[in-house]
Amino acid sequence: MTQFVIVYLGGNPPSTPEEGQQHMQKYMAWLADLGAAAVSPGNPLKGTQTVHSDASVSSGSNTAMSGYTIIDVESMEAALSIAKACPFLEVGGTLEVSELMKMPG
C-alpha cells in the first residue's frame, strides 16, 4: 500500500449553522467509509503563518489550503476515486492528491 495526501483548497463557508452541520455529517460519513484506509483523517488548519525566503513572516497562506487527509491505498487511481467522493467538492472546494514519498532515515 502507498500513502497519499488529499489537500483541501478553498471552499465556501456554510451560509447557516444548519448547512454547516449537514455538510459536517456528510464529511464525517465519508471519513467513516474510508475505514482503515484513513491513516490520518480530517486535519483542518488554522492560524497559518508564512515564512518567506528572506525569513520574514506574514499572516495567512500563499495558498488556500485549509487542511489535509492521509490515506493508505493501492494506487493513485484509488486515491483519486476516494477524493472524487469527498463532500468538500460540494462546497466549491478543490482537492489535490499527491503520493507521499518516504524519506531515508
N, C-alpha and C. Protein backbone atom coordinates (compact mmCIF):
# COMPACT_ATOMS: atom_id res chain seq x y z
N MET A 1 0.84 -1.18 0.00
CA MET A 1 0.00 0.00 0.00
C MET A 1 0.88 1.24 0.00
N THR A 2 0.32 2.29 -0.51
CA THR A 2 1.03 3.57 -0.63
C THR A 2 0.22 4.65 0.07
N GLN A 3 0.90 5.57 0.70
CA GLN A 3 0.19 6.68 1.34
C GLN A 3 0.07 7.85 0.38
N PHE A 4 -1.11 8.47 0.42
CA PHE A 4 -1.40 9.65 -0.38
C PHE A 4 -1.96 10.71 0.54
N VAL A 5 -1.69 11.96 0.22
CA VAL A 5 -2.27 13.07 0.97
C VAL A 5 -3.30 13.75 0.07
N ILE A 6 -4.46 14.01 0.64
CA ILE A 6 -5.50 14.78 -0.03
C ILE A 6 -5.50 16.15 0.64
N VAL A 7 -5.20 17.18 -0.12
CA VAL A 7 -5.13 18.55 0.40
C VAL A 7 -6.40 19.29 0.02
N TYR A 8 -7.00 19.95 1.01
CA TYR A 8 -8.23 20.71 0.81
C TYR A 8 -7.88 22.17 0.51
N LEU A 9 -8.41 22.69 -0.61
CA LEU A 9 -8.14 24.07 -1.03
C LEU A 9 -9.47 24.80 -1.26
N GLY A 10 -9.56 26.00 -0.72
CA GLY A 10 -10.73 26.83 -0.96
C GLY A 10 -11.97 26.31 -0.28
N GLY A 11 -13.08 26.41 -0.99
CA GLY A 11 -14.37 26.01 -0.43
C GLY A 11 -15.11 27.22 0.11
N ASN A 12 -16.42 27.10 0.14
CA ASN A 12 -17.27 28.19 0.62
C ASN A 12 -17.79 27.86 2.01
N PRO A 13 -17.73 28.81 2.93
CA PRO A 13 -18.26 28.55 4.27
C PRO A 13 -19.78 28.39 4.20
N PRO A 14 -20.34 27.63 5.14
CA PRO A 14 -21.80 27.45 5.13
C PRO A 14 -22.50 28.77 5.40
N SER A 15 -23.68 28.92 4.80
CA SER A 15 -24.44 30.16 4.98
C SER A 15 -25.26 30.14 6.26
N THR A 16 -25.50 28.96 6.82
CA THR A 16 -26.24 28.85 8.08
C THR A 16 -25.59 27.76 8.93
N PRO A 17 -25.83 27.80 10.24
CA PRO A 17 -25.31 26.72 11.10
C PRO A 17 -25.86 25.35 10.68
N GLU A 18 -27.10 25.32 10.25
CA GLU A 18 -27.71 24.06 9.82
C GLU A 18 -27.00 23.50 8.60
N GLU A 19 -26.69 24.37 7.64
CA GLU A 19 -25.97 23.95 6.44
C GLU A 19 -24.60 23.41 6.82
N GLY A 20 -23.94 24.07 7.75
CA GLY A 20 -22.64 23.61 8.23
C GLY A 20 -22.74 22.25 8.89
N GLN A 21 -23.78 22.04 9.67
CA GLN A 21 -23.98 20.76 10.35
C GLN A 21 -24.25 19.64 9.33
N GLN A 22 -25.06 19.93 8.32
CA GLN A 22 -25.36 18.94 7.28
C GLN A 22 -24.09 18.55 6.53
N HIS A 23 -23.30 19.55 6.18
CA HIS A 23 -22.05 19.27 5.47
C HIS A 23 -21.11 18.44 6.35
N MET A 24 -21.01 18.79 7.62
CA MET A 24 -20.11 18.06 8.52
C MET A 24 -20.56 16.61 8.65
N GLN A 25 -21.86 16.36 8.68
CA GLN A 25 -22.36 14.98 8.76
C GLN A 25 -21.95 14.19 7.51
N LYS A 26 -22.05 14.81 6.33
CA LYS A 26 -21.64 14.15 5.09
C LYS A 26 -20.14 13.87 5.12
N TYR A 27 -19.38 14.84 5.58
CA TYR A 27 -17.93 14.70 5.63
C TYR A 27 -17.52 13.59 6.59
N MET A 28 -18.15 13.54 7.76
CA MET A 28 -17.82 12.51 8.75
C MET A 28 -18.21 11.13 8.23
N ALA A 29 -19.32 11.03 7.49
CA ALA A 29 -19.73 9.75 6.90
C ALA A 29 -18.71 9.31 5.85
N TRP A 30 -18.22 10.27 5.05
CA TRP A 30 -17.20 9.97 4.03
C TRP A 30 -15.94 9.43 4.71
N LEU A 31 -15.50 10.10 5.79
CA LEU A 31 -14.32 9.63 6.51
C LEU A 31 -14.55 8.24 7.09
N ALA A 32 -15.73 8.01 7.66
CA ALA A 32 -16.04 6.70 8.23
C ALA A 32 -16.01 5.61 7.16
N ASP A 33 -16.49 5.93 5.96
CA ASP A 33 -16.48 4.96 4.86
C ASP A 33 -15.06 4.58 4.44
N LEU A 34 -14.10 5.45 4.71
CA LEU A 34 -12.71 5.14 4.35
C LEU A 34 -12.14 4.03 5.21
N GLY A 35 -12.70 3.84 6.39
CA GLY A 35 -12.24 2.78 7.28
C GLY A 35 -10.76 2.85 7.55
N ALA A 36 -10.08 1.70 7.45
CA ALA A 36 -8.65 1.62 7.76
C ALA A 36 -7.78 2.37 6.76
N ALA A 37 -8.33 2.72 5.60
CA ALA A 37 -7.55 3.47 4.60
C ALA A 37 -7.22 4.87 5.10
N ALA A 38 -8.02 5.39 6.03
CA ALA A 38 -7.79 6.74 6.57
C ALA A 38 -6.72 6.67 7.65
N VAL A 39 -5.48 6.90 7.25
CA VAL A 39 -4.34 6.86 8.18
C VAL A 39 -4.38 8.06 9.12
N SER A 40 -4.67 9.21 8.57
CA SER A 40 -4.77 10.46 9.34
C SER A 40 -5.94 11.24 8.75
N PRO A 41 -7.16 10.98 9.29
CA PRO A 41 -8.34 11.61 8.70
C PRO A 41 -8.32 13.12 8.87
N GLY A 42 -9.40 13.78 8.62
CA GLY A 42 -9.50 15.24 8.58
C GLY A 42 -8.57 15.98 9.53
N ASN A 43 -7.71 16.79 8.98
CA ASN A 43 -6.77 17.61 9.74
C ASN A 43 -6.92 19.06 9.31
N PRO A 44 -7.89 19.79 9.89
CA PRO A 44 -8.05 21.19 9.50
C PRO A 44 -6.88 22.04 10.00
N LEU A 45 -6.62 23.11 9.27
CA LEU A 45 -5.54 24.03 9.63
C LEU A 45 -6.14 25.37 10.03
N LYS A 46 -5.48 26.06 10.95
CA LYS A 46 -5.89 27.41 11.31
C LYS A 46 -4.68 28.21 11.76
N GLY A 47 -4.81 29.52 11.76
CA GLY A 47 -3.73 30.38 12.24
C GLY A 47 -2.46 30.28 11.43
N THR A 48 -2.59 30.08 10.13
CA THR A 48 -1.42 29.87 9.27
C THR A 48 -0.53 31.11 9.23
N GLN A 49 0.77 30.90 9.33
CA GLN A 49 1.79 31.93 9.16
C GLN A 49 2.71 31.45 8.04
N THR A 50 3.16 32.36 7.21
CA THR A 50 4.04 32.00 6.10
C THR A 50 5.43 32.56 6.36
N VAL A 51 6.44 31.70 6.30
CA VAL A 51 7.83 32.12 6.43
C VAL A 51 8.39 32.21 5.01
N HIS A 52 8.87 33.39 4.63
CA HIS A 52 9.36 33.65 3.28
C HIS A 52 10.86 33.36 3.18
N SER A 53 11.38 33.36 1.97
CA SER A 53 12.79 33.01 1.74
C SER A 53 13.75 33.95 2.45
N ASP A 54 13.34 35.17 2.75
CA ASP A 54 14.20 36.10 3.49
C ASP A 54 13.99 36.00 5.00
N ALA A 55 13.26 34.97 5.43
CA ALA A 55 12.95 34.67 6.83
C ALA A 55 11.91 35.62 7.43
N SER A 56 11.33 36.51 6.63
CA SER A 56 10.24 37.33 7.14
C SER A 56 8.99 36.46 7.26
N VAL A 57 8.08 36.87 8.11
CA VAL A 57 6.87 36.11 8.38
C VAL A 57 5.66 36.99 8.12
N SER A 58 4.65 36.40 7.47
CA SER A 58 3.40 37.13 7.27
C SER A 58 2.23 36.24 7.68
N SER A 59 1.14 36.87 8.07
CA SER A 59 -0.06 36.13 8.45
C SER A 59 -0.75 35.60 7.21
N GLY A 60 -1.33 34.43 7.33
CA GLY A 60 -2.08 33.86 6.24
C GLY A 60 -1.23 32.93 5.40
N SER A 61 -1.86 32.45 4.35
CA SER A 61 -1.26 31.44 3.49
C SER A 61 -1.04 31.97 2.08
N ASN A 62 -0.06 31.44 1.40
CA ASN A 62 0.12 31.75 -0.02
C ASN A 62 -0.81 30.91 -0.88
N THR A 63 -1.44 29.90 -0.28
CA THR A 63 -2.40 29.06 -0.96
C THR A 63 -3.71 29.12 -0.17
N ALA A 64 -4.71 28.46 -0.66
CA ALA A 64 -5.98 28.41 0.05
C ALA A 64 -6.12 27.09 0.82
N MET A 65 -4.97 26.47 1.18
CA MET A 65 -5.00 25.18 1.87
C MET A 65 -5.66 25.33 3.23
N SER A 66 -6.67 24.48 3.46
CA SER A 66 -7.38 24.56 4.74
C SER A 66 -7.27 23.27 5.56
N GLY A 67 -6.64 22.23 4.99
CA GLY A 67 -6.48 21.00 5.74
C GLY A 67 -6.02 19.87 4.83
N TYR A 68 -5.94 18.67 5.42
CA TYR A 68 -5.49 17.51 4.64
C TYR A 68 -5.96 16.23 5.30
N THR A 69 -5.95 15.16 4.51
CA THR A 69 -6.23 13.81 4.97
C THR A 69 -5.18 12.90 4.36
N ILE A 70 -4.65 11.97 5.14
CA ILE A 70 -3.70 10.99 4.62
C ILE A 70 -4.41 9.65 4.54
N ILE A 71 -4.31 9.02 3.37
CA ILE A 71 -4.92 7.72 3.15
C ILE A 71 -3.86 6.72 2.72
N ASP A 72 -4.15 5.45 2.91
CA ASP A 72 -3.24 4.37 2.52
C ASP A 72 -4.03 3.45 1.59
N VAL A 73 -3.71 3.53 0.29
CA VAL A 73 -4.42 2.76 -0.73
C VAL A 73 -3.42 2.20 -1.74
N GLU A 74 -3.91 1.42 -2.67
CA GLU A 74 -3.03 0.71 -3.59
C GLU A 74 -2.47 1.53 -4.74
N SER A 75 -3.18 2.61 -5.13
CA SER A 75 -2.74 3.33 -6.33
C SER A 75 -3.27 4.75 -6.34
N MET A 76 -2.70 5.56 -7.24
CA MET A 76 -3.20 6.92 -7.43
C MET A 76 -4.65 6.87 -7.89
N GLU A 77 -4.99 5.90 -8.72
CA GLU A 77 -6.37 5.79 -9.20
C GLU A 77 -7.33 5.58 -8.04
N ALA A 78 -6.95 4.74 -7.08
CA ALA A 78 -7.78 4.51 -5.89
C ALA A 78 -7.89 5.78 -5.06
N ALA A 79 -6.77 6.50 -4.92
CA ALA A 79 -6.79 7.75 -4.16
C ALA A 79 -7.68 8.79 -4.83
N LEU A 80 -7.61 8.87 -6.15
CA LEU A 80 -8.45 9.83 -6.88
C LEU A 80 -9.93 9.46 -6.77
N SER A 81 -10.23 8.18 -6.78
CA SER A 81 -11.61 7.74 -6.63
C SER A 81 -12.16 8.16 -5.27
N ILE A 82 -11.35 8.01 -4.24
CA ILE A 82 -11.75 8.45 -2.90
C ILE A 82 -11.96 9.95 -2.87
N ALA A 83 -11.03 10.70 -3.45
CA ALA A 83 -11.13 12.17 -3.46
C ALA A 83 -12.38 12.64 -4.20
N LYS A 84 -12.70 11.98 -5.30
CA LYS A 84 -13.88 12.38 -6.09
C LYS A 84 -15.18 12.23 -5.31
N ALA A 85 -15.19 11.38 -4.29
CA ALA A 85 -16.38 11.16 -3.48
C ALA A 85 -16.45 12.10 -2.26
N CYS A 86 -15.45 12.93 -2.06
CA CYS A 86 -15.38 13.80 -0.88
C CYS A 86 -16.41 14.93 -0.95
N PRO A 87 -17.21 15.11 0.10
CA PRO A 87 -18.21 16.17 0.13
C PRO A 87 -17.63 17.59 0.09
N PHE A 88 -16.33 17.73 0.30
CA PHE A 88 -15.71 19.05 0.22
C PHE A 88 -15.90 19.66 -1.17
N LEU A 89 -16.00 18.82 -2.17
CA LEU A 89 -16.23 19.30 -3.53
C LEU A 89 -17.60 19.96 -3.66
N GLU A 90 -18.56 19.54 -2.84
CA GLU A 90 -19.92 20.10 -2.89
C GLU A 90 -19.98 21.54 -2.41
N VAL A 91 -18.98 22.00 -1.67
CA VAL A 91 -18.97 23.38 -1.18
C VAL A 91 -18.00 24.25 -1.99
N GLY A 92 -17.70 23.80 -3.20
CA GLY A 92 -16.85 24.59 -4.09
C GLY A 92 -15.37 24.45 -3.84
N GLY A 93 -14.99 23.48 -3.03
CA GLY A 93 -13.58 23.27 -2.75
C GLY A 93 -12.89 22.48 -3.85
N THR A 94 -11.58 22.50 -3.81
CA THR A 94 -10.73 21.76 -4.73
C THR A 94 -9.86 20.83 -3.90
N LEU A 95 -9.56 19.66 -4.44
CA LEU A 95 -8.70 18.71 -3.76
C LEU A 95 -7.47 18.42 -4.61
N GLU A 96 -6.31 18.42 -3.98
CA GLU A 96 -5.09 17.98 -4.64
C GLU A 96 -4.68 16.66 -4.00
N VAL A 97 -4.34 15.69 -4.83
CA VAL A 97 -3.95 14.36 -4.35
C VAL A 97 -2.50 14.12 -4.75
N SER A 98 -1.67 13.79 -3.77
CA SER A 98 -0.25 13.55 -4.02
C SER A 98 0.20 12.30 -3.30
N GLU A 99 1.11 11.55 -3.92
CA GLU A 99 1.72 10.41 -3.25
C GLU A 99 2.75 10.94 -2.26
N LEU A 100 2.75 10.37 -1.06
CA LEU A 100 3.76 10.74 -0.08
C LEU A 100 5.01 9.92 -0.32
N MET A 101 6.13 10.58 -0.39
CA MET A 101 7.40 9.90 -0.61
C MET A 101 8.04 9.59 0.74
N LYS A 102 8.62 8.42 0.85
CA LYS A 102 9.33 8.05 2.07
C LYS A 102 10.75 8.62 2.00
N MET A 103 11.12 9.33 3.05
CA MET A 103 12.46 9.90 3.12
C MET A 103 13.38 8.93 3.86
N PRO A 104 14.63 8.86 3.45
CA PRO A 104 15.56 7.95 4.13
C PRO A 104 15.80 8.42 5.57
N GLY A 105 16.07 7.44 6.41
CA GLY A 105 16.45 7.75 7.79
C GLY A 105 15.30 7.71 8.67
